[in-house]
Amino acid sequence: MPSRLFDVLYLTACSVLFFGLFHKAASPAPFGYDESDYMMCVRLGIAGNYLDTNAMSLPQFVNAGLKLARKESTRTEVSEYVRGRRDSMFLRHYHGPLNSYWLIAASALGGSGEARMRLASLAFHWLTFLTVYAGILWVFGPRFRIAAVAASACYLFCVNNITTVAAVSSHAPFLWLSIVTLFTISKLAAAPSRKRFYWAAALCAVSLCALEFAVLLFLVLAITVAFVRKEFFAQWTRRDYLRFARNTVLLIAGVCLVLWPSSILKLTIVQGFAFIVFMSATRRESFGGDVAPLDGWRLLLRQIPADMLTVSVCVAAGAFLLWRSPRRAQLLPFFVYALLLTMAIFRNTSEGARYISSLFAPLYVTAAVLLVERAKRIPTVLQAGAVAALFGVLLFVSHREVQARVARSSSVDDRAASLIGFMRGRPSAKVLVPFECLPSLQYYFPDASIRSYSPDATRARILAAADSYEAVCLYETGNSAPDAAPSVWRAGLVTPKGRLTCYLRP
């Protein structure tokens, strides 16, 4: 009973503290590029995302990709085509629809305001905190309650995830589903059985309907089964193997069919993986631009030093202690997933902070269990004191860092926000804008006729193309000044620092 009371008090106190201190991380600023696309999916409704009614068929998708590869069309042209048809797969950035279901439900319950929708995504950070605490007790037992406190506290005050999950993104539900799945695989490793395997496989399939990174969870499941194969496959016959393979395939396909029918019936799930292959093969900048991978990770070290320091300690603990631990089978899924994820995203330094969001919780679980296991000779009071000190340090650092990052983000020259203000007086105008501003403006002004131009288009070419438009918005760089436009145009808006100017016809 005292232990149960502690669990309730700890989880309640941390939850109140977290939302009290960090709810402002959910910014009320206008939705950005990715967020606007995801919010457009909300307008498609449950049916539009469930059946992907507006999505291109697989042959159409392949044909569009081949045209891009042969340079028979441009990214801008393809983007405008799929946006014009409200292609749900494109607007979800070729992820599964689970996040759209969640956003649709959240908007139905409380409206679609920016801060509210971002707070709905931040709820997954809180759910992951609860899962880390409860999962350690479930898999490793009540004697690892101190490990549960340490791992869950480290995750709850993870600066990277507080700030990156507080955005409308498909990564938010996936990071929670991934840790739930890893605990289920860990439980399978502790006591192998077909029933537990099927539960783990089903959760892998659910995660796949959120984000294609779930393929890594299938790999973790396969590696874990191979690790405990003697216990799992004991006395199996050939018929058992065939039945097992059949049931596994049917289970995974069935879960996907229930949660995302078009993934099977229209093979839209294939588009997500084909998109990754296409982008990695044809556009290196999509996976880091001109920044070398090591430089990208060094940048993360400067941006989130506390998080990267704790992760480094966790990696060291796992590397030196895992194979000597009697619980290595249960901890293996967490450490292997972290390793596979790091390998998968090593070259991806664009928005790296978001892509590593599901990396932290598995490493915190691994290190906390291993360190508590090694510290069993240290009195419980001293262990509790060390964890309490860690809790205080994490709380102080995270509160300070999150406040600083939110303040910096609010002071950034946001050209899309300036354009949104510019368009409020002309919600149905015909406007030509830069490519990266298109999603936000299309979301906020669905009645306007908004087209975009590619980043490499020249000023003369843009103005020539804008003859039939009421306004055109141009970047001002070098010798390009606001008064350099032809006399037929007049400057209607100059963004802060003069980086973008919108010209109007008199």
Protein backbone atom coordinates (compact mmCIF):
# COMPACT_ATOMS: atom_id res chain seq x y z
CA MET A 1 0.00 0.00 0.00
CA PRO A 2 2.74 2.63 0.78
CA SER A 3 4.33 1.84 -2.60
CA ARG A 4 1.03 2.31 -4.44
CA LEU A 5 0.48 5.59 -2.60
CA PHE A 6 3.96 6.75 -3.58
CA ASP A 7 3.25 5.89 -7.23
CA VAL A 8 0.05 7.93 -7.26
CA LEU A 9 1.59 10.91 -5.45
CA TYR A 10 4.72 10.93 -7.61
CA LEU A 11 2.88 10.71 -10.92
CA THR A 12 0.27 13.28 -9.89
CA ALA A 13 2.81 15.77 -8.54
CA CYS A 14 5.02 15.46 -11.65
CA SER A 15 2.04 15.84 -13.98
CA VAL A 16 0.83 19.01 -12.25
CA LEU A 17 4.37 20.39 -12.13
CA PHE A 18 4.99 19.62 -15.80
CA PHE A 19 1.85 21.21 -17.22
CA GLY A 20 2.13 24.11 -14.80
CA LEU A 21 5.66 24.95 -15.90
CA PHE A 22 5.74 23.92 -19.55
CA HIS A 23 2.29 24.49 -21.01
CA LYS A 24 3.59 27.73 -22.54
CA ALA A 25 5.97 25.67 -24.68
CA ALA A 26 2.85 25.15 -26.83
CA SER A 27 3.18 28.39 -28.80
CA PRO A 28 0.14 30.38 -30.02
CA ALA A 29 2.09 31.45 -33.13
CA PRO A 30 0.67 30.62 -36.58
CA PHE A 31 1.26 27.11 -37.86
CA GLY A 32 4.47 26.62 -39.81
CA TYR A 33 5.17 24.66 -43.00
CA ASP A 34 4.78 21.10 -41.70
CA GLU A 35 2.13 21.98 -39.15
CA SER A 36 -0.09 23.61 -41.77
CA ASP A 37 0.05 20.50 -43.92
CA TYR A 38 -0.94 18.32 -40.95
CA MET A 39 -3.77 20.70 -40.07
CA MET A 40 -5.05 20.55 -43.64
CA CYS A 41 -5.48 16.82 -43.00
CA VAL A 42 -7.81 17.71 -40.13
CA ARG A 43 -10.08 19.40 -42.66
CA LEU A 44 -10.19 16.19 -44.70
CA GLY A 45 -11.90 14.50 -41.76
CA ILE A 46 -11.73 10.93 -40.55
CA ALA A 47 -12.92 9.41 -43.84
CA GLY A 48 -10.44 11.39 -45.94
CA ASN A 49 -7.52 10.11 -43.87
CA TYR A 50 -8.90 6.65 -43.15
CA LEU A 51 -9.51 5.84 -46.83
CA ASP A 52 -7.02 8.33 -48.39
CA THR A 53 -9.75 9.21 -50.86
CA ASN A 54 -7.78 12.06 -52.48
CA ALA A 55 -4.40 10.31 -52.51
CA MET A 56 -2.69 9.42 -55.78
CA SER A 57 -2.80 5.79 -56.76
CA LEU A 58 0.49 3.91 -56.65
CA PRO A 59 0.98 4.11 -60.47
CA GLN A 60 0.30 7.87 -60.38
CA PHE A 61 2.73 8.27 -57.49
CA VAL A 62 5.46 6.32 -59.30
CA ASN A 63 4.88 8.32 -62.49
CA ALA A 64 5.17 11.63 -60.60
CA GLY A 65 8.41 10.46 -58.98
CA LEU A 66 9.89 9.39 -62.31
CA LYS A 67 9.07 12.77 -63.83
CA LEU A 68 10.84 14.47 -60.96
CA ALA A 69 13.86 12.20 -61.33
CA ARG A 70 14.02 12.91 -65.08
CA LYS A 71 13.53 16.63 -64.40
CA GLU A 72 10.40 16.65 -66.56
CA SER A 73 8.65 18.50 -63.73
CA THR A 74 9.75 20.53 -60.74
CA ARG A 75 9.09 20.08 -57.03
CA THR A 76 6.99 23.25 -57.11
CA GLU A 77 4.78 21.90 -59.89
CA VAL A 78 4.29 18.55 -58.17
CA SER A 79 3.61 20.26 -54.84
CA GLU A 80 0.94 22.49 -56.35
CA TYR A 81 -0.67 19.53 -58.12
CA VAL A 82 -0.98 17.34 -55.01
CA ARG A 83 -2.00 20.28 -52.83
CA GLY A 84 -4.65 21.20 -55.36
CA ARG A 85 -6.18 17.72 -55.12
CA ARG A 86 -5.79 17.71 -51.30
CA ASP A 87 -3.71 14.53 -51.40
CA SER A 88 -3.88 13.19 -47.83
CA MET A 89 -0.66 11.16 -48.14
CA PHE A 90 1.29 14.19 -49.33
CA LEU A 91 -0.21 16.46 -46.68
CA ARG A 92 0.77 13.91 -43.99
CA HIS A 93 4.25 13.85 -45.54
CA TYR A 94 3.68 10.17 -46.34
CA HIS A 95 3.22 9.16 -42.70
CA GLY A 96 0.36 7.07 -41.37
CA PRO A 97 -2.97 8.62 -40.33
CA LEU A 98 -2.94 8.01 -36.54
CA ASN A 99 -1.78 11.54 -35.79
CA SER A 100 -4.54 12.91 -38.02
CA TYR A 101 -7.14 10.91 -36.09
CA TRP A 102 -5.80 12.37 -32.85
CA LEU A 103 -5.78 15.93 -34.19
CA ILE A 104 -9.31 15.57 -35.55
CA ALA A 105 -10.52 14.36 -32.14
CA ALA A 106 -8.63 17.13 -30.32
CA SER A 107 -10.04 19.84 -32.60
CA ALA A 108 -13.56 18.45 -32.23
CA LEU A 109 -13.28 18.58 -28.44
CA GLY A 110 -11.66 21.97 -28.01
CA GLY A 111 -11.25 23.84 -31.29
CA SER A 112 -8.26 24.07 -33.61
CA GLY A 113 -6.39 27.01 -32.08
CA GLU A 114 -2.61 26.89 -32.45
CA ALA A 115 -1.70 26.61 -28.76
CA ARG A 116 -4.47 24.06 -28.10
CA MET A 117 -3.42 21.79 -30.97
CA ARG A 118 0.24 21.93 -29.95
CA LEU A 119 -0.70 21.18 -26.36
CA ALA A 120 -2.61 18.14 -27.65
CA SER A 121 0.65 16.89 -29.19
CA LEU A 122 2.57 17.69 -26.00
CA ALA A 123 0.22 15.30 -24.19
CA PHE A 124 2.15 12.43 -25.80
CA HIS A 125 5.27 13.56 -23.95
CA TRP A 126 3.32 13.23 -20.72
CA LEU A 127 1.95 9.81 -21.74
CA THR A 128 5.49 8.64 -22.44
CA PHE A 129 6.54 9.78 -18.96
CA LEU A 130 3.73 7.69 -17.43
CA THR A 131 4.63 4.71 -19.61
CA VAL A 132 8.32 4.81 -18.67
CA TYR A 133 7.48 4.76 -14.97
CA ALA A 134 4.79 2.08 -15.17
CA GLY A 135 6.70 0.03 -17.74
CA ILE A 136 9.79 -0.38 -15.57
CA LEU A 137 7.66 -1.61 -12.67
CA TRP A 138 5.76 -3.95 -15.01
CA VAL A 139 8.83 -5.53 -16.63
CA PHE A 140 11.51 -5.34 -13.93
CA GLY A 141 9.45 -5.38 -10.75
CA PRO A 142 8.85 -3.06 -7.77
CA ARG A 143 12.45 -3.28 -6.52
CA PHE A 144 13.36 -1.05 -9.48
CA ARG A 145 11.05 1.76 -8.38
CA ILE A 146 14.05 4.09 -7.95
CA ALA A 147 15.06 3.29 -11.53
CA ALA A 148 11.50 4.12 -12.61
CA VAL A 149 11.69 7.49 -10.88
CA ALA A 150 15.11 8.30 -12.37
CA ALA A 151 14.24 7.27 -15.94
CA SER A 152 10.80 8.93 -15.95
CA ALA A 153 12.18 12.17 -14.45
CA CYS A 154 14.97 12.29 -17.03
CA TYR A 155 12.41 11.89 -19.77
CA LEU A 156 9.83 14.31 -18.34
CA PHE A 157 12.43 17.10 -18.19
CA CYS A 158 14.06 16.30 -21.54
CA VAL A 159 14.44 19.76 -23.10
CA ASN A 160 14.59 18.44 -26.66
CA ASN A 161 11.30 16.59 -26.43
CA ILE A 162 9.45 19.28 -24.50
CA THR A 163 10.17 21.80 -27.25
CA THR A 164 9.97 19.58 -30.33
CA VAL A 165 6.92 17.57 -29.28
CA ALA A 166 5.07 20.82 -28.55
CA ALA A 167 4.29 21.07 -32.25
CA VAL A 168 1.80 19.46 -34.59
CA SER A 169 3.82 16.47 -35.78
CA SER A 170 3.46 12.74 -36.49
CA HIS A 171 6.52 12.14 -34.32
CA ALA A 172 4.52 12.96 -31.17
CA PRO A 173 2.24 9.88 -31.12
CA PHE A 174 5.00 7.65 -32.47
CA LEU A 175 7.41 8.33 -29.62
CA TRP A 176 4.73 7.16 -27.15
CA LEU A 177 3.77 4.12 -29.24
CA SER A 178 7.42 3.18 -29.68
CA ILE A 179 8.12 3.03 -25.93
CA VAL A 180 4.88 1.06 -25.29
CA THR A 181 5.97 -1.40 -27.98
CA LEU A 182 9.50 -1.69 -26.57
CA PHE A 183 8.19 -2.52 -23.09
CA THR A 184 5.95 -5.19 -24.63
CA ILE A 185 8.93 -6.68 -26.50
CA SER A 186 10.94 -6.52 -23.27
CA LYS A 187 8.19 -8.45 -21.46
CA LEU A 188 8.36 -11.04 -24.24
CA ALA A 189 12.11 -11.38 -23.65
CA ALA A 190 11.51 -11.90 -19.92
CA ALA A 191 9.05 -14.75 -20.50
CA PRO A 192 8.85 -15.83 -24.16
CA SER A 193 5.43 -16.94 -25.39
CA ARG A 194 3.46 -16.76 -28.60
CA LYS A 195 0.75 -14.64 -26.98
CA ARG A 196 3.25 -11.96 -25.95
CA PHE A 197 4.86 -12.08 -29.39
CA TYR A 198 1.50 -11.44 -31.06
CA TRP A 199 0.86 -8.50 -28.74
CA ALA A 200 4.27 -7.04 -29.63
CA ALA A 201 3.73 -7.62 -33.36
CA ALA A 202 0.30 -5.94 -33.18
CA LEU A 203 1.81 -2.89 -31.46
CA CYS A 204 4.55 -2.73 -34.09
CA ALA A 205 1.80 -2.62 -36.72
CA VAL A 206 -0.05 0.11 -34.82
CA SER A 207 3.17 2.14 -34.68
CA LEU A 208 3.63 1.63 -38.42
CA CYS A 209 0.29 3.39 -38.93
CA ALA A 210 1.81 6.43 -37.21
CA LEU A 211 5.32 6.64 -38.67
CA GLU A 212 7.42 4.54 -41.03
CA PHE A 213 10.25 4.45 -38.46
CA ALA A 214 8.23 1.62 -36.91
CA VAL A 215 10.07 -0.71 -39.27
CA LEU A 216 12.89 -0.47 -36.71
CA LEU A 217 10.53 -1.90 -34.08
CA PHE A 218 9.93 -4.95 -36.26
CA LEU A 219 13.70 -5.40 -36.49
CA VAL A 220 13.99 -5.11 -32.70
CA LEU A 221 11.25 -7.72 -32.30
CA ALA A 222 13.04 -10.10 -34.68
CA ILE A 223 16.40 -9.62 -32.91
CA THR A 224 14.80 -10.18 -29.52
CA VAL A 225 13.11 -13.41 -30.68
CA ALA A 226 16.44 -14.59 -32.08
CA PHE A 227 18.09 -13.83 -28.74
CA VAL A 228 15.57 -15.96 -26.80
CA ARG A 229 15.00 -18.50 -29.59
CA LYS A 230 15.79 -21.54 -27.41
CA GLU A 231 12.99 -20.73 -24.99
CA PHE A 232 10.62 -19.38 -27.63
CA PHE A 233 10.88 -22.17 -30.20
CA ALA A 234 11.26 -25.06 -27.76
CA GLN A 235 9.82 -28.31 -29.20
CA TRP A 236 8.23 -26.62 -32.21
CA THR A 237 7.28 -28.71 -35.22
CA ARG A 238 7.30 -27.63 -38.86
CA ARG A 239 3.55 -27.16 -38.63
CA ASP A 240 4.04 -24.81 -35.66
CA TYR A 241 6.47 -22.68 -37.67
CA LEU A 242 4.11 -22.44 -40.64
CA ARG A 243 1.14 -21.56 -38.44
CA PHE A 244 3.22 -18.98 -36.59
CA ALA A 245 4.36 -17.30 -39.83
CA ARG A 246 0.81 -17.27 -41.21
CA ASN A 247 -0.70 -15.84 -38.04
CA THR A 248 1.98 -13.14 -37.79
CA VAL A 249 1.42 -11.93 -41.36
CA LEU A 250 -2.35 -11.97 -40.97
CA LEU A 251 -2.15 -10.13 -37.65
CA ILE A 252 0.03 -7.33 -39.00
CA ALA A 253 -2.06 -6.98 -42.16
CA GLY A 254 -5.26 -7.08 -40.11
CA VAL A 255 -4.13 -4.31 -37.75
CA CYS A 256 -3.15 -2.11 -40.70
CA LEU A 257 -6.44 -2.92 -42.46
CA VAL A 258 -8.46 -1.87 -39.42
CA LEU A 259 -6.52 1.32 -38.63
CA TRP A 260 -5.58 2.35 -42.16
CA PRO A 261 -7.49 0.39 -44.86
CA SER A 262 -5.93 2.18 -47.82
CA SER A 263 -2.48 1.05 -46.69
CA ILE A 264 -3.47 -2.46 -47.81
CA LEU A 265 -6.23 -1.84 -50.36
CA LYS A 266 -4.48 1.01 -52.21
CA LEU A 267 -0.91 0.22 -51.09
CA THR A 268 -0.49 3.78 -49.85
CA ILE A 269 1.89 2.48 -47.18
CA VAL A 270 4.32 1.69 -49.99
CA GLN A 271 4.37 5.37 -50.96
CA GLY A 272 5.88 6.30 -47.59
CA PHE A 273 8.85 3.98 -48.01
CA ALA A 274 9.25 4.86 -51.70
CA PHE A 275 9.29 8.54 -50.78
CA ILE A 276 12.15 7.99 -48.31
CA VAL A 277 14.15 6.07 -50.91
CA PHE A 278 13.50 8.70 -53.56
CA MET A 279 14.48 11.63 -51.35
CA SER A 280 17.63 9.96 -50.06
CA ALA A 281 18.67 9.00 -53.60
CA THR A 282 17.94 12.28 -55.35
CA ARG A 283 18.15 15.05 -52.76
CA ARG A 284 21.02 14.89 -50.32
CA GLU A 285 19.91 18.19 -48.78
CA SER A 286 16.72 16.52 -47.58
CA PHE A 287 18.90 14.61 -45.18
CA GLY A 288 21.07 17.36 -43.83
CA GLY A 289 21.79 19.78 -46.65
CA ASP A 290 25.37 20.93 -46.84
CA VAL A 291 25.96 20.11 -43.17
CA ALA A 292 28.12 17.04 -42.58
CA PRO A 293 26.52 14.47 -40.25
CA LEU A 294 29.12 14.94 -37.52
CA ASP A 295 28.65 18.71 -37.69
CA GLY A 296 24.91 18.21 -37.33
CA TRP A 297 25.38 16.14 -34.18
CA ARG A 298 27.83 18.72 -32.80
CA LEU A 299 25.15 21.35 -33.38
CA LEU A 300 22.71 19.27 -31.33
CA LEU A 301 25.33 19.07 -28.59
CA ARG A 302 25.42 22.88 -28.46
CA GLN A 303 21.64 23.25 -28.68
CA ILE A 304 20.67 20.69 -26.04
CA PRO A 305 23.81 20.10 -23.94
CA ALA A 306 22.01 18.69 -20.88
CA ASP A 307 20.06 16.16 -22.95
CA MET A 308 23.10 15.07 -24.94
CA LEU A 309 25.14 14.72 -21.75
CA THR A 310 22.56 12.42 -20.14
CA VAL A 311 22.29 10.42 -23.37
CA SER A 312 26.08 10.01 -23.45
CA VAL A 313 26.02 8.67 -19.89
CA CYS A 314 23.23 6.28 -20.86
CA VAL A 315 25.13 5.01 -23.90
CA ALA A 316 28.26 4.47 -21.80
CA ALA A 317 26.26 2.60 -19.14
CA GLY A 318 24.67 0.40 -21.77
CA ALA A 319 27.93 -0.33 -23.58
CA PHE A 320 29.83 -1.32 -20.41
CA LEU A 321 27.14 -2.92 -18.26
CA LEU A 322 24.50 -4.43 -20.55
CA TRP A 323 26.16 -7.74 -21.42
CA ARG A 324 27.10 -8.44 -17.81
CA SER A 325 23.57 -7.81 -16.56
CA PRO A 326 21.28 -10.74 -15.69
CA ARG A 327 18.48 -8.66 -17.27
CA ARG A 328 20.23 -8.12 -20.58
CA ALA A 329 17.47 -9.93 -22.48
CA GLN A 330 14.82 -7.49 -21.17
CA LEU A 331 17.07 -4.46 -21.75
CA LEU A 332 18.24 -5.52 -25.20
CA PRO A 333 15.18 -4.15 -27.08
CA PHE A 334 15.69 -0.64 -25.70
CA PHE A 335 19.41 -0.50 -26.46
CA VAL A 336 19.10 -2.12 -29.89
CA TYR A 337 16.30 0.28 -30.88
CA ALA A 338 18.43 3.28 -29.87
CA LEU A 339 21.33 1.90 -31.91
CA LEU A 340 19.19 1.21 -34.99
CA LEU A 341 17.54 4.64 -34.81
CA THR A 342 20.92 6.37 -34.55
CA MET A 343 22.16 4.48 -37.60
CA ALA A 344 18.97 5.29 -39.53
CA ILE A 345 19.07 9.04 -38.90
CA PHE A 346 22.83 9.57 -38.71
CA ARG A 347 22.89 11.43 -42.04
CA ASN A 348 19.62 13.22 -41.38
CA THR A 349 20.67 16.48 -39.79
CA SER A 350 17.66 18.49 -40.96
CA GLU A 351 15.42 19.04 -37.95
CA GLY A 352 17.51 16.42 -36.19
CA ALA A 353 16.04 17.36 -32.82
CA ARG A 354 12.65 16.03 -33.93
CA TYR A 355 14.00 12.83 -35.46
CA ILE A 356 15.82 11.84 -32.27
CA SER A 357 12.76 12.38 -30.07
CA SER A 358 12.10 8.64 -29.64
CA LEU A 359 15.78 8.00 -28.82
CA PHE A 360 15.80 9.35 -25.26
CA ALA A 361 13.26 7.21 -23.38
CA PRO A 362 14.78 3.81 -24.34
CA LEU A 363 18.25 4.95 -23.29
CA TYR A 364 16.98 6.37 -19.99
CA VAL A 365 15.28 3.06 -19.22
CA THR A 366 18.41 1.07 -20.07
CA ALA A 367 20.78 3.21 -18.00
CA ALA A 368 18.46 3.58 -14.99
CA VAL A 369 17.89 -0.17 -14.63
CA LEU A 370 21.57 -1.01 -15.13
CA LEU A 371 22.83 1.61 -12.67
CA VAL A 372 20.31 0.70 -9.96
CA GLU A 373 21.18 -2.94 -10.49
CA ARG A 374 24.88 -2.17 -9.96
CA ALA A 375 24.16 0.04 -6.94
CA LYS A 376 22.27 -2.61 -4.97
CA ARG A 377 24.87 -2.48 -2.17
CA ILE A 378 24.32 1.26 -1.71
CA PRO A 379 21.68 2.02 0.97
CA THR A 380 18.27 2.86 -0.42
CA VAL A 381 18.28 6.22 1.37
CA LEU A 382 21.43 7.29 -0.48
CA GLN A 383 20.01 6.09 -3.80
CA ALA A 384 16.83 8.07 -3.17
CA GLY A 385 18.87 11.14 -2.24
CA ALA A 386 20.87 10.90 -5.47
CA VAL A 387 17.69 10.59 -7.54
CA ALA A 388 16.12 13.53 -5.71
CA ALA A 389 19.20 15.65 -6.46
CA LEU A 390 19.03 14.56 -10.11
CA PHE A 391 15.34 15.51 -10.17
CA GLY A 392 16.11 19.01 -8.87
CA VAL A 393 18.93 19.60 -11.36
CA LEU A 394 16.83 18.38 -14.28
CA LEU A 395 13.89 20.57 -13.26
CA PHE A 396 16.06 23.68 -12.95
CA VAL A 397 17.93 23.14 -16.21
CA SER A 398 14.87 22.19 -18.25
CA HIS A 399 12.78 25.12 -17.02
CA ARG A 400 15.54 27.58 -17.82
CA GLU A 401 16.37 26.07 -21.22
CA VAL A 402 12.76 25.71 -22.35
CA GLN A 403 12.00 29.32 -21.40
CA ALA A 404 15.08 30.50 -23.31
CA ARG A 405 14.21 28.49 -26.42
CA VAL A 406 10.59 29.63 -26.42
CA ALA A 407 11.75 33.25 -26.07
CA ARG A 408 14.20 32.84 -28.96
CA SER A 409 11.61 31.25 -31.21
CA SER A 410 9.14 34.07 -30.56
CA SER A 411 11.72 36.68 -31.59
CA VAL A 412 12.61 35.01 -34.91
CA ASP A 413 11.77 36.89 -38.12
CA ASP A 414 8.80 34.74 -39.16
CA ARG A 415 8.04 35.62 -42.74
CA ALA A 416 5.02 33.30 -42.93
CA ALA A 417 3.46 35.03 -39.90
CA SER A 418 4.02 38.42 -41.55
CA LEU A 419 2.38 37.19 -44.73
CA ILE A 420 -0.58 35.85 -42.77
CA GLY A 421 -1.08 39.31 -41.30
CA PHE A 422 -0.74 40.79 -44.78
CA MET A 423 -3.38 38.42 -46.19
CA ARG A 424 -5.97 39.04 -43.48
CA GLY A 425 -7.11 42.16 -45.32
CA ARG A 426 -7.42 40.27 -48.62
CA PRO A 427 -8.55 36.70 -47.73
CA SER A 428 -9.61 35.83 -51.30
CA ALA A 429 -6.81 37.53 -53.23
CA LYS A 430 -4.67 35.99 -55.96
CA VAL A 431 -1.10 36.05 -54.65
CA LEU A 432 2.29 34.70 -55.72
CA VAL A 433 4.49 33.75 -52.74
CA PRO A 434 7.75 31.91 -51.95
CA PHE A 435 7.48 28.11 -51.90
CA GLU A 436 8.05 27.73 -48.15
CA CYS A 437 5.20 30.12 -47.29
CA LEU A 438 2.60 28.29 -49.37
CA PRO A 439 1.30 25.69 -46.83
CA SER A 440 0.63 28.23 -44.08
CA LEU A 441 -1.19 30.63 -46.37
CA GLN A 442 -3.26 27.86 -47.96
CA TYR A 443 -4.34 26.65 -44.54
CA TYR A 444 -5.33 30.06 -43.17
CA PHE A 445 -6.86 31.38 -46.43
CA PRO A 446 -8.56 28.48 -48.23
CA ASP A 447 -10.59 30.88 -50.40
CA ALA A 448 -7.53 32.68 -51.76
CA SER A 449 -5.78 31.71 -54.98
CA ILE A 450 -2.21 31.26 -53.76
CA ARG A 451 0.58 30.00 -56.01
CA SER A 452 4.27 29.67 -55.33
CA TYR A 453 7.55 30.02 -57.16
CA SER A 454 10.64 27.85 -56.78
CA PRO A 455 13.60 29.05 -54.66
CA ASP A 456 15.89 29.31 -57.70
CA ALA A 457 13.52 31.52 -59.75
CA THR A 458 14.99 34.90 -60.74
CA ARG A 459 13.41 38.19 -59.77
CA ALA A 460 12.61 39.09 -63.38
CA ARG A 461 11.00 35.71 -63.98
CA ILE A 462 8.87 36.00 -60.84
CA LEU A 463 7.61 39.48 -61.76
CA ALA A 464 6.86 38.33 -65.29
CA ALA A 465 4.85 35.41 -63.96
CA ALA A 466 2.95 37.72 -61.60
CA ASP A 467 1.18 39.71 -64.33
CA SER A 468 -2.19 38.18 -63.52
CA TYR A 469 -1.78 38.38 -59.73
CA GLU A 470 -2.96 41.03 -57.29
CA ALA A 471 0.18 40.75 -55.19
CA VAL A 472 3.63 39.19 -55.34
CA CYS A 473 6.01 38.61 -52.44
CA LEU A 474 9.75 38.69 -53.05
CA TYR A 475 12.87 38.05 -51.01
CA GLU A 476 15.13 41.07 -50.86
CA THR A 477 18.81 40.14 -50.96
CA GLY A 478 21.97 41.85 -52.09
CA ASN A 479 21.19 44.82 -54.34
CA SER A 480 17.48 44.01 -54.57
CA ALA A 481 15.67 46.82 -52.84
CA PRO A 482 11.94 47.28 -52.26
CA ASP A 483 11.81 50.13 -54.77
CA ALA A 484 13.42 47.99 -57.49
CA ALA A 485 10.05 46.68 -58.72
CA PRO A 486 8.41 48.10 -61.86
CA SER A 487 6.26 51.16 -61.35
CA VAL A 488 3.09 49.12 -61.75
CA TRP A 489 3.74 47.64 -58.31
CA ARG A 490 3.85 49.34 -54.93
CA ALA A 491 5.29 48.00 -51.71
CA GLY A 492 2.44 46.85 -49.47
CA LEU A 493 4.38 45.02 -46.78
CA VAL A 494 7.99 44.88 -45.72
CA THR A 495 8.74 42.18 -43.14
CA PRO A 496 11.11 42.81 -40.23
CA LYS A 497 14.70 43.31 -41.38
CA GLY A 498 13.39 43.86 -44.91
CA ARG A 499 13.83 40.21 -45.85
CA LEU A 500 10.55 39.87 -47.69
CA THR A 501 8.54 42.52 -49.51
CA CYS A 502 5.01 42.14 -50.83
CA TYR A 503 4.09 44.29 -53.81
CA LEU A 504 0.53 45.27 -54.67
CA ARG A 505 -1.01 46.57 -57.84
CA PRO A 506 -2.20 50.15 -57.40
